[in-house]
């Protein structure tokens, strides 16, 4: 994340969770709502 337009110093700190802010591979692939019924993104 960063300031989209303007003074970059207006955003000085962002923490990301979980870990370092990644989407773990184990949640993919998604198989569709009919068969992947309990899937939570």
ModelCIF file with pLDDT and N, C-alpha, C, O atoms, coordinates in Angstrom:
data_MODEL
#
_entry.id   MODEL 
#
_entity.id                         1 
_entity.type                       polymer 
_entity.pdbx_number_of_molecules   1 
#
_entity_poly.entity_id                      1 
_entity_poly.type                           'polypeptide(L)' 
_entity_poly.nstd_linkage                   no 
_entity_poly.nstd_monomer                   no 
_entity_poly.pdbx_seq_one_letter_code       
;(UNK)(UNK)(UNK)(UNK)(UNK)(UNK)(UNK)(UNK)(UNK)(UNK)(UNK)(UNK)(UNK)(UNK)(UNK)(UNK)
(UNK)(UNK)(UNK)(UNK)(UNK)(UNK)(UNK)(UNK)(UNK)(UNK)(UNK)(UNK)(UNK)(UNK)(UNK)(UNK)
(UNK)(UNK)(UNK)(UNK)(UNK)(UNK)(UNK)(UNK)(UNK)
;
_entity_poly.pdbx_seq_one_letter_code_can   XXXXXXXXXXXXXXXXXXXXXXXXXXXXXXXXXXXXXXXXX 
_entity_poly.pdbx_strand_id                 A 
#
loop_
_entity_poly_seq.entity_id 
_entity_poly_seq.num 
_entity_poly_seq.mon_id 
_entity_poly_seq.hetero 
1 1  UNK n 
1 2  UNK n 
1 3  UNK n 
1 4  UNK n 
1 5  UNK n 
1 6  UNK n 
1 7  UNK n 
1 8  UNK n 
1 9  UNK n 
1 10 UNK n 
1 11 UNK n 
1 12 UNK n 
1 13 UNK n 
1 14 UNK n 
1 15 UNK n 
1 16 UNK n 
1 17 UNK n 
1 18 UNK n 
1 19 UNK n 
1 20 UNK n 
1 21 UNK n 
1 22 UNK n 
1 23 UNK n 
1 24 UNK n 
1 25 UNK n 
1 26 UNK n 
1 27 UNK n 
1 28 UNK n 
1 29 UNK n 
1 30 UNK n 
1 31 UNK n 
1 32 UNK n 
1 33 UNK n 
1 34 UNK n 
1 35 UNK n 
1 36 UNK n 
1 37 UNK n 
1 38 UNK n 
1 39 UNK n 
1 40 UNK n 
1 41 UNK n 
#
_struct_asym.id          A 
_struct_asym.entity_id   1 
#
loop_
_ma_qa_metric.id 
_ma_qa_metric.mode 
_ma_qa_metric.name 
_ma_qa_metric.software_group_id 
_ma_qa_metric.type 
1 global pLDDT . pLDDT 
2 local  pLDDT . pLDDT 
#
_ma_qa_metric_global.metric_id      1 
_ma_qa_metric_global.metric_value   94.20 
_ma_qa_metric_global.model_id       1 
_ma_qa_metric_global.ordinal_id     1 
#
loop_
_ma_qa_metric_local.label_asym_id 
_ma_qa_metric_local.label_comp_id 
_ma_qa_metric_local.label_seq_id 
_ma_qa_metric_local.metric_id 
_ma_qa_metric_local.metric_value 
_ma_qa_metric_local.model_id 
_ma_qa_metric_local.ordinal_id 
A UNK 1  2 97.00 1 1  
A UNK 2  2 96.00 1 2  
A UNK 3  2 97.00 1 3  
A UNK 4  2 93.00 1 4  
A UNK 5  2 90.00 1 5  
A UNK 6  2 88.00 1 6  
A UNK 7  2 93.00 1 7  
A UNK 8  2 94.00 1 8  
A UNK 9  2 94.00 1 9  
A UNK 10 2 97.00 1 10 
A UNK 11 2 97.00 1 11 
A UNK 12 2 95.00 1 12 
A UNK 13 2 95.00 1 13 
A UNK 14 2 97.00 1 14 
A UNK 15 2 97.00 1 15 
A UNK 16 2 98.00 1 16 
A UNK 17 2 97.00 1 17 
A UNK 18 2 95.00 1 18 
A UNK 19 2 82.00 1 19 
A UNK 20 2 87.00 1 20 
A UNK 21 2 95.00 1 21 
A UNK 22 2 96.00 1 22 
A UNK 23 2 97.00 1 23 
A UNK 24 2 97.00 1 24 
A UNK 25 2 97.00 1 25 
A UNK 26 2 97.00 1 26 
A UNK 27 2 97.00 1 27 
A UNK 28 2 96.00 1 28 
A UNK 29 2 95.00 1 29 
A UNK 30 2 95.00 1 30 
A UNK 31 2 93.00 1 31 
A UNK 32 2 92.00 1 32 
A UNK 33 2 90.00 1 33 
A UNK 34 2 89.00 1 34 
A UNK 35 2 92.00 1 35 
A UNK 36 2 94.00 1 36 
A UNK 37 2 91.00 1 37 
A UNK 38 2 93.00 1 38 
A UNK 39 2 96.00 1 39 
A UNK 40 2 95.00 1 40 
A UNK 41 2 96.00 1 41 
#
loop_
_atom_site.group_PDB 
_atom_site.id 
_atom_site.type_symbol 
_atom_site.label_atom_id 
_atom_site.label_alt_id 
_atom_site.label_comp_id 
_atom_site.label_asym_id 
_atom_site.label_entity_id 
_atom_site.label_seq_id 
_atom_site.pdbx_PDB_ins_code 
_atom_site.Cartn_x 
_atom_site.Cartn_y 
_atom_site.Cartn_z 
_atom_site.occupancy 
_atom_site.B_iso_or_equiv 
_atom_site.pdbx_formal_charge 
_atom_site.auth_seq_id 
_atom_site.auth_comp_id 
_atom_site.auth_asym_id 
_atom_site.auth_atom_id 
_atom_site.pdbx_PDB_model_num 
ATOM 1   N N  . UNK A 1 1  ? 0.847   -1.198  0.000  1.00 97.00 ? 1  UNK A N  1 
ATOM 2   C CA . UNK A 1 1  ? 0.000   0.000   0.000  1.00 97.00 ? 1  UNK A CA 1 
ATOM 3   C C  . UNK A 1 1  ? 0.880   1.244   0.000  1.00 97.00 ? 1  UNK A C  1 
ATOM 4   O O  . UNK A 1 1  ? 1.953   1.268   0.603  1.00 97.00 ? 1  UNK A O  1 
ATOM 5   N N  . UNK A 1 2  ? 0.402   2.273   -0.687 1.00 96.00 ? 2  UNK A N  1 
ATOM 6   C CA . UNK A 1 2  ? 1.108   3.548   -0.696 1.00 96.00 ? 2  UNK A CA 1 
ATOM 7   C C  . UNK A 1 2  ? 0.108   4.662   -0.984 1.00 96.00 ? 2  UNK A C  1 
ATOM 8   O O  . UNK A 1 2  ? -1.032  4.402   -1.368 1.00 96.00 ? 2  UNK A O  1 
ATOM 9   N N  . UNK A 1 3  ? 0.544   5.897   -0.795 1.00 97.00 ? 3  UNK A N  1 
ATOM 10  C CA . UNK A 1 3  ? -0.295  7.041   -1.135 1.00 97.00 ? 3  UNK A CA 1 
ATOM 11  C C  . UNK A 1 3  ? -0.479  7.069   -2.647 1.00 97.00 ? 3  UNK A C  1 
ATOM 12  O O  . UNK A 1 3  ? 0.494   7.063   -3.400 1.00 97.00 ? 3  UNK A O  1 
ATOM 13  N N  . UNK A 1 4  ? -1.727  7.100   -3.081 1.00 93.00 ? 4  UNK A N  1 
ATOM 14  C CA . UNK A 1 4  ? -2.001  7.027   -4.512 1.00 93.00 ? 4  UNK A CA 1 
ATOM 15  C C  . UNK A 1 4  ? -1.640  8.315   -5.240 1.00 93.00 ? 4  UNK A C  1 
ATOM 16  O O  . UNK A 1 4  ? -1.164  8.280   -6.375 1.00 93.00 ? 4  UNK A O  1 
ATOM 17  N N  . UNK A 1 5  ? -1.865  9.446   -4.587 1.00 90.00 ? 5  UNK A N  1 
ATOM 18  C CA . UNK A 1 5  ? -1.527  10.736  -5.189 1.00 90.00 ? 5  UNK A CA 1 
ATOM 19  C C  . UNK A 1 5  ? -1.383  11.750  -4.060 1.00 90.00 ? 5  UNK A C  1 
ATOM 20  O O  . UNK A 1 5  ? -2.255  11.859  -3.199 1.00 90.00 ? 5  UNK A O  1 
ATOM 21  N N  . UNK A 1 6  ? -0.286  12.484  -4.071 1.00 88.00 ? 6  UNK A N  1 
ATOM 22  C CA . UNK A 1 6  ? -0.090  13.487  -3.036 1.00 88.00 ? 6  UNK A CA 1 
ATOM 23  C C  . UNK A 1 6  ? 1.162   13.246  -2.230 1.00 88.00 ? 6  UNK A C  1 
ATOM 24  O O  . UNK A 1 6  ? 2.130   12.665  -2.722 1.00 88.00 ? 6  UNK A O  1 
ATOM 25  N N  . UNK A 1 7  ? 1.141   13.691  -0.994 1.00 93.00 ? 7  UNK A N  1 
ATOM 26  C CA . UNK A 1 7  ? 2.293   13.634  -0.109 1.00 93.00 ? 7  UNK A CA 1 
ATOM 27  C C  . UNK A 1 7  ? 2.483   12.221  0.449  1.00 93.00 ? 7  UNK A C  1 
ATOM 28  O O  . UNK A 1 7  ? 1.661   11.750  1.235  1.00 93.00 ? 7  UNK A O  1 
ATOM 29  N N  . UNK A 1 8  ? 3.556   11.551  0.048  1.00 94.00 ? 8  UNK A N  1 
ATOM 30  C CA . UNK A 1 8  ? 3.785   10.171  0.470  1.00 94.00 ? 8  UNK A CA 1 
ATOM 31  C C  . UNK A 1 8  ? 3.993   10.051  1.975  1.00 94.00 ? 8  UNK A C  1 
ATOM 32  O O  . UNK A 1 8  ? 3.763   8.987   2.549  1.00 94.00 ? 8  UNK A O  1 
ATOM 33  N N  . UNK A 1 9  ? 4.429   11.140  2.622  1.00 94.00 ? 9  UNK A N  1 
ATOM 34  C CA . UNK A 1 9  ? 4.669   11.093  4.068  1.00 94.00 ? 9  UNK A CA 1 
ATOM 35  C C  . UNK A 1 9  ? 3.379   11.037  4.875  1.00 94.00 ? 9  UNK A C  1 
ATOM 36  O O  . UNK A 1 9  ? 3.422   10.850  6.091  1.00 94.00 ? 9  UNK A O  1 
ATOM 37  N N  . UNK A 1 10 ? 2.226   11.196  4.216  1.00 97.00 ? 10 UNK A N  1 
ATOM 38  C CA . UNK A 1 10 ? 0.947   11.105  4.922  1.00 97.00 ? 10 UNK A CA 1 
ATOM 39  C C  . UNK A 1 10 ? 0.614   9.658   5.308  1.00 97.00 ? 10 UNK A C  1 
ATOM 40  O O  . UNK A 1 10 ? -0.267  9.421   6.134  1.00 97.00 ? 10 UNK A O  1 
ATOM 41  N N  . UNK A 1 11 ? 1.313   8.708   4.715  1.00 97.00 ? 11 UNK A N  1 
ATOM 42  C CA . UNK A 1 11 ? 1.157   7.301   5.100  1.00 97.00 ? 11 UNK A CA 1 
ATOM 43  C C  . UNK A 1 11 ? 2.528   6.806   5.563  1.00 97.00 ? 11 UNK A C  1 
ATOM 44  O O  . UNK A 1 11 ? 3.392   6.483   4.747  1.00 97.00 ? 11 UNK A O  1 
ATOM 45  N N  . UNK A 1 12 ? 2.709   6.752   6.856  1.00 95.00 ? 12 UNK A N  1 
ATOM 46  C CA . UNK A 1 12 ? 4.032   6.478   7.409  1.00 95.00 ? 12 UNK A CA 1 
ATOM 47  C C  . UNK A 1 12 ? 4.229   5.033   7.841  1.00 95.00 ? 12 UNK A C  1 
ATOM 48  O O  . UNK A 1 12 ? 5.363   4.567   7.951  1.00 95.00 ? 12 UNK A O  1 
ATOM 49  N N  . UNK A 1 13 ? 3.133   4.319   8.088  1.00 95.00 ? 13 UNK A N  1 
ATOM 50  C CA . UNK A 1 13 ? 3.300   2.949   8.572  1.00 95.00 ? 13 UNK A CA 1 
ATOM 51  C C  . UNK A 1 13 ? 2.042   2.118   8.305  1.00 95.00 ? 13 UNK A C  1 
ATOM 52  O O  . UNK A 1 13 ? 0.923   2.550   8.585  1.00 95.00 ? 13 UNK A O  1 
ATOM 53  N N  . UNK A 1 14 ? 2.251   0.925   7.761  1.00 97.00 ? 14 UNK A N  1 
ATOM 54  C CA . UNK A 1 14 ? 1.176   -0.051  7.556  1.00 97.00 ? 14 UNK A CA 1 
ATOM 55  C C  . UNK A 1 14 ? 1.693   -1.427  7.968  1.00 97.00 ? 14 UNK A C  1 
ATOM 56  O O  . UNK A 1 14 ? 2.767   -1.845  7.536  1.00 97.00 ? 14 UNK A O  1 
ATOM 57  N N  . UNK A 1 15 ? 0.934   -2.124  8.798  1.00 97.00 ? 15 UNK A N  1 
ATOM 58  C CA . UNK A 1 15 ? 1.259   -3.503  9.145  1.00 97.00 ? 15 UNK A CA 1 
ATOM 59  C C  . UNK A 1 15 ? 0.314   -4.434  8.397  1.00 97.00 ? 15 UNK A C  1 
ATOM 60  O O  . UNK A 1 15 ? -0.864  -4.128  8.213  1.00 97.00 ? 15 UNK A O  1 
ATOM 61  N N  . UNK A 1 16 ? 0.844   -5.570  7.971  1.00 98.00 ? 16 UNK A N  1 
ATOM 62  C CA . UNK A 1 16 ? 0.053   -6.531  7.197  1.00 98.00 ? 16 UNK A CA 1 
ATOM 63  C C  . UNK A 1 16 ? -0.046  -7.856  7.948  1.00 98.00 ? 16 UNK A C  1 
ATOM 64  O O  . UNK A 1 16 ? 0.924   -8.331  8.538  1.00 98.00 ? 16 UNK A O  1 
ATOM 65  N N  . UNK A 1 17 ? -1.256  -8.443  7.908  1.00 97.00 ? 17 UNK A N  1 
ATOM 66  C CA . UNK A 1 17 ? -1.492  -9.758  8.514  1.00 97.00 ? 17 UNK A CA 1 
ATOM 67  C C  . UNK A 1 17 ? -2.317  -10.589 7.530  1.00 97.00 ? 17 UNK A C  1 
ATOM 68  O O  . UNK A 1 17 ? -3.087  -10.022 6.754  1.00 97.00 ? 17 UNK A O  1 
ATOM 69  N N  . UNK A 1 18 ? -2.175  -11.936 7.540  1.00 95.00 ? 18 UNK A N  1 
ATOM 70  C CA . UNK A 1 18 ? -1.209  -12.691 8.340  1.00 95.00 ? 18 UNK A CA 1 
ATOM 71  C C  . UNK A 1 18 ? 0.201   -12.578 7.765  1.00 95.00 ? 18 UNK A C  1 
ATOM 72  O O  . UNK A 1 18 ? 0.385   -12.239 6.596  1.00 95.00 ? 18 UNK A O  1 
ATOM 73  N N  . UNK A 1 19 ? 1.183   -12.866 8.602  1.00 82.00 ? 19 UNK A N  1 
ATOM 74  C CA . UNK A 1 19 ? 2.577   -12.840 8.175  1.00 82.00 ? 19 UNK A CA 1 
ATOM 75  C C  . UNK A 1 19 ? 2.970   -11.503 7.599  1.00 82.00 ? 19 UNK A C  1 
ATOM 76  O O  . UNK A 1 19 ? 2.795   -10.457 8.226  1.00 82.00 ? 19 UNK A O  1 
ATOM 77  N N  . UNK A 1 20 ? 3.499   -11.553 6.407  1.00 87.00 ? 20 UNK A N  1 
ATOM 78  C CA . UNK A 1 20 ? 3.928   -10.330 5.736  1.00 87.00 ? 20 UNK A CA 1 
ATOM 79  C C  . UNK A 1 20 ? 2.941   -9.879  4.669  1.00 87.00 ? 20 UNK A C  1 
ATOM 80  O O  . UNK A 1 20 ? 3.311   -9.185  3.722  1.00 87.00 ? 20 UNK A O  1 
ATOM 81  N N  . UNK A 1 21 ? 1.673   -10.280 4.830  1.00 95.00 ? 21 UNK A N  1 
ATOM 82  C CA . UNK A 1 21 ? 0.636   -9.819  3.907  1.00 95.00 ? 21 UNK A CA 1 
ATOM 83  C C  . UNK A 1 21 ? 0.583   -10.582 2.608  1.00 95.00 ? 21 UNK A C  1 
ATOM 84  O O  . UNK A 1 21 ? 0.663   -9.986  1.534  1.00 95.00 ? 21 UNK A O  1 
ATOM 85  N N  . UNK A 1 22 ? 0.447   -11.900 2.689  1.00 96.00 ? 22 UNK A N  1 
ATOM 86  C CA . UNK A 1 22 ? 0.366   -12.728 1.486  1.00 96.00 ? 22 UNK A CA 1 
ATOM 87  C C  . UNK A 1 22 ? -0.876  -13.620 1.529  1.00 96.00 ? 22 UNK A C  1 
ATOM 88  O O  . UNK A 1 22 ? -1.405  -13.928 2.596  1.00 96.00 ? 22 UNK A O  1 
ATOM 89  N N  . UNK A 1 23 ? -1.322  -14.021 0.347  1.00 97.00 ? 23 UNK A N  1 
ATOM 90  C CA . UNK A 1 23 ? -2.412  -14.987 0.203  1.00 97.00 ? 23 UNK A CA 1 
ATOM 91  C C  . UNK A 1 23 ? -1.779  -16.364 0.017  1.00 97.00 ? 23 UNK A C  1 
ATOM 92  O O  . UNK A 1 23 ? -1.232  -16.662 -1.044 1.00 97.00 ? 23 UNK A O  1 
ATOM 93  N N  . UNK A 1 24 ? -1.855  -17.195 1.041  1.00 97.00 ? 24 UNK A N  1 
ATOM 94  C CA . UNK A 1 24 ? -1.195  -18.498 0.985  1.00 97.00 ? 24 UNK A CA 1 
ATOM 95  C C  . UNK A 1 24 ? -1.761  -19.357 -0.143 1.00 97.00 ? 24 UNK A C  1 
ATOM 96  O O  . UNK A 1 24 ? -2.956  -19.315 -0.435 1.00 97.00 ? 24 UNK A O  1 
ATOM 97  N N  . UNK A 1 25 ? -0.883  -20.133 -0.768 1.00 97.00 ? 25 UNK A N  1 
ATOM 98  C CA . UNK A 1 25 ? -1.279  -20.968 -1.900 1.00 97.00 ? 25 UNK A CA 1 
ATOM 99  C C  . UNK A 1 25 ? -2.297  -22.036 -1.525 1.00 97.00 ? 25 UNK A C  1 
ATOM 100 O O  . UNK A 1 25 ? -3.046  -22.500 -2.385 1.00 97.00 ? 25 UNK A O  1 
ATOM 101 N N  . UNK A 1 26 ? -2.338  -22.437 -0.248 1.00 97.00 ? 26 UNK A N  1 
ATOM 102 C CA . UNK A 1 26 ? -3.197  -23.567 0.132  1.00 97.00 ? 26 UNK A CA 1 
ATOM 103 C C  . UNK A 1 26 ? -4.684  -23.265 -0.039 1.00 97.00 ? 26 UNK A C  1 
ATOM 104 O O  . UNK A 1 26 ? -5.499  -24.188 -0.024 1.00 97.00 ? 26 UNK A O  1 
ATOM 105 N N  . UNK A 1 27 ? -5.056  -21.990 -0.202 1.00 97.00 ? 27 UNK A N  1 
ATOM 106 C CA . UNK A 1 27 ? -6.468  -21.652 -0.374 1.00 97.00 ? 27 UNK A CA 1 
ATOM 107 C C  . UNK A 1 27 ? -6.908  -21.708 -1.848 1.00 97.00 ? 27 UNK A C  1 
ATOM 108 O O  . UNK A 1 27 ? -8.026  -21.316 -2.182 1.00 97.00 ? 27 UNK A O  1 
ATOM 109 N N  . UNK A 1 28 ? -6.039  -22.187 -2.700 1.00 96.00 ? 28 UNK A N  1 
ATOM 110 C CA . UNK A 1 28 ? -6.328  -22.239 -4.129 1.00 96.00 ? 28 UNK A CA 1 
ATOM 111 C C  . UNK A 1 28 ? -5.981  -23.618 -4.669 1.00 96.00 ? 28 UNK A C  1 
ATOM 112 O O  . UNK A 1 28 ? -5.099  -24.285 -4.130 1.00 96.00 ? 28 UNK A O  1 
ATOM 113 N N  . UNK A 1 29 ? -6.669  -24.060 -5.736 1.00 95.00 ? 29 UNK A N  1 
ATOM 114 C CA . UNK A 1 29 ? -7.715  -23.330 -6.468 1.00 95.00 ? 29 UNK A CA 1 
ATOM 115 C C  . UNK A 1 29 ? -9.085  -23.409 -5.785 1.00 95.00 ? 29 UNK A C  1 
ATOM 116 O O  . UNK A 1 29 ? -9.333  -24.249 -4.920 1.00 95.00 ? 29 UNK A O  1 
ATOM 117 N N  . UNK A 1 30 ? -9.943  -22.514 -6.206 1.00 95.00 ? 30 UNK A N  1 
ATOM 118 C CA . UNK A 1 30 ? -11.343 -22.500 -5.772 1.00 95.00 ? 30 UNK A CA 1 
ATOM 119 C C  . UNK A 1 30 ? -12.152 -23.314 -6.771 1.00 95.00 ? 30 UNK A C  1 
ATOM 120 O O  . UNK A 1 30 ? -11.964 -23.182 -7.981 1.00 95.00 ? 30 UNK A O  1 
ATOM 121 N N  . UNK A 1 31 ? -13.058 -24.161 -6.264 1.00 93.00 ? 31 UNK A N  1 
ATOM 122 C CA . UNK A 1 31 ? -13.769 -25.090 -7.134 1.00 93.00 ? 31 UNK A CA 1 
ATOM 123 C C  . UNK A 1 31 ? -15.222 -24.711 -7.415 1.00 93.00 ? 31 UNK A C  1 
ATOM 124 O O  . UNK A 1 31 ? -15.929 -25.460 -8.090 1.00 93.00 ? 31 UNK A O  1 
ATOM 125 N N  . UNK A 1 32 ? -15.676 -23.576 -6.918 1.00 92.00 ? 32 UNK A N  1 
ATOM 126 C CA . UNK A 1 32 ? -17.044 -23.154 -7.206 1.00 92.00 ? 32 UNK A CA 1 
ATOM 127 C C  . UNK A 1 32 ? -17.992 -23.400 -6.047 1.00 92.00 ? 32 UNK A C  1 
ATOM 128 O O  . UNK A 1 32 ? -17.757 -24.271 -5.210 1.00 92.00 ? 32 UNK A O  1 
ATOM 129 N N  . UNK A 1 33 ? -19.071 -22.618 -6.007 1.00 90.00 ? 33 UNK A N  1 
ATOM 130 C CA . UNK A 1 33 ? -19.974 -22.639 -4.856 1.00 90.00 ? 33 UNK A CA 1 
ATOM 131 C C  . UNK A 1 33 ? -20.751 -23.938 -4.704 1.00 90.00 ? 33 UNK A C  1 
ATOM 132 O O  . UNK A 1 33 ? -21.199 -24.250 -3.600 1.00 90.00 ? 33 UNK A O  1 
ATOM 133 N N  . UNK A 1 34 ? -20.927 -24.707 -5.778 1.00 89.00 ? 34 UNK A N  1 
ATOM 134 C CA . UNK A 1 34 ? -21.715 -25.940 -5.679 1.00 89.00 ? 34 UNK A CA 1 
ATOM 135 C C  . UNK A 1 34 ? -20.954 -27.053 -4.961 1.00 89.00 ? 34 UNK A C  1 
ATOM 136 O O  . UNK A 1 34 ? -21.558 -27.862 -4.257 1.00 89.00 ? 34 UNK A O  1 
ATOM 137 N N  . UNK A 1 35 ? -19.639 -27.099 -5.134 1.00 92.00 ? 35 UNK A N  1 
ATOM 138 C CA . UNK A 1 35 ? -18.858 -28.173 -4.516 1.00 92.00 ? 35 UNK A CA 1 
ATOM 139 C C  . UNK A 1 35 ? -17.943 -27.681 -3.392 1.00 92.00 ? 35 UNK A C  1 
ATOM 140 O O  . UNK A 1 35 ? -17.634 -28.440 -2.473 1.00 92.00 ? 35 UNK A O  1 
ATOM 141 N N  . UNK A 1 36 ? -17.512 -26.437 -3.455 1.00 94.00 ? 36 UNK A N  1 
ATOM 142 C CA . UNK A 1 36 ? -16.644 -25.881 -2.419 1.00 94.00 ? 36 UNK A CA 1 
ATOM 143 C C  . UNK A 1 36 ? -17.514 -25.111 -1.430 1.00 94.00 ? 36 UNK A C  1 
ATOM 144 O O  . UNK A 1 36 ? -17.353 -23.903 -1.255 1.00 94.00 ? 36 UNK A O  1 
ATOM 145 N N  . UNK A 1 37 ? -18.426 -25.816 -0.793 1.00 91.00 ? 37 UNK A N  1 
ATOM 146 C CA . UNK A 1 37 ? -19.528 -25.175 -0.075 1.00 91.00 ? 37 UNK A CA 1 
ATOM 147 C C  . UNK A 1 37 ? -19.080 -24.400 1.162  1.00 91.00 ? 37 UNK A C  1 
ATOM 148 O O  . UNK A 1 37 ? -19.692 -23.385 1.495  1.00 91.00 ? 37 UNK A O  1 
ATOM 149 N N  . UNK A 1 38 ? -18.040 -24.844 1.847  1.00 93.00 ? 38 UNK A N  1 
ATOM 150 C CA . UNK A 1 38 ? -17.604 -24.167 3.069  1.00 93.00 ? 38 UNK A CA 1 
ATOM 151 C C  . UNK A 1 38 ? -16.410 -23.243 2.847  1.00 93.00 ? 38 UNK A C  1 
ATOM 152 O O  . UNK A 1 38 ? -15.793 -22.770 3.802  1.00 93.00 ? 38 UNK A O  1 
ATOM 153 N N  . UNK A 1 39 ? -16.095 -22.993 1.594  1.00 96.00 ? 39 UNK A N  1 
ATOM 154 C CA . UNK A 1 39 ? -14.919 -22.179 1.273  1.00 96.00 ? 39 UNK A CA 1 
ATOM 155 C C  . UNK A 1 39 ? -15.077 -20.755 1.806  1.00 96.00 ? 39 UNK A C  1 
ATOM 156 O O  . UNK A 1 39 ? -16.090 -20.099 1.563  1.00 96.00 ? 39 UNK A O  1 
ATOM 157 N N  . UNK A 1 40 ? -14.070 -20.292 2.529  1.00 95.00 ? 40 UNK A N  1 
ATOM 158 C CA . UNK A 1 40 ? -14.022 -18.902 2.970  1.00 95.00 ? 40 UNK A CA 1 
ATOM 159 C C  . UNK A 1 40 ? -12.761 -18.276 2.388  1.00 95.00 ? 40 UNK A C  1 
ATOM 160 O O  . UNK A 1 40 ? -11.654 -18.776 2.589  1.00 95.00 ? 40 UNK A O  1 
ATOM 161 N N  . UNK A 1 41 ? -12.941 -17.194 1.677  1.00 96.00 ? 41 UNK A N  1 
ATOM 162 C CA . UNK A 1 41 ? -11.822 -16.566 0.981  1.00 96.00 ? 41 UNK A CA 1 
ATOM 163 C C  . UNK A 1 41 ? -10.752 -16.113 1.961  1.00 96.00 ? 41 UNK A C  1 
ATOM 164 O O  . UNK A 1 41 ? -9.732  -15.560 1.550  1.00 96.00 ? 41 UNK A O  1 
#
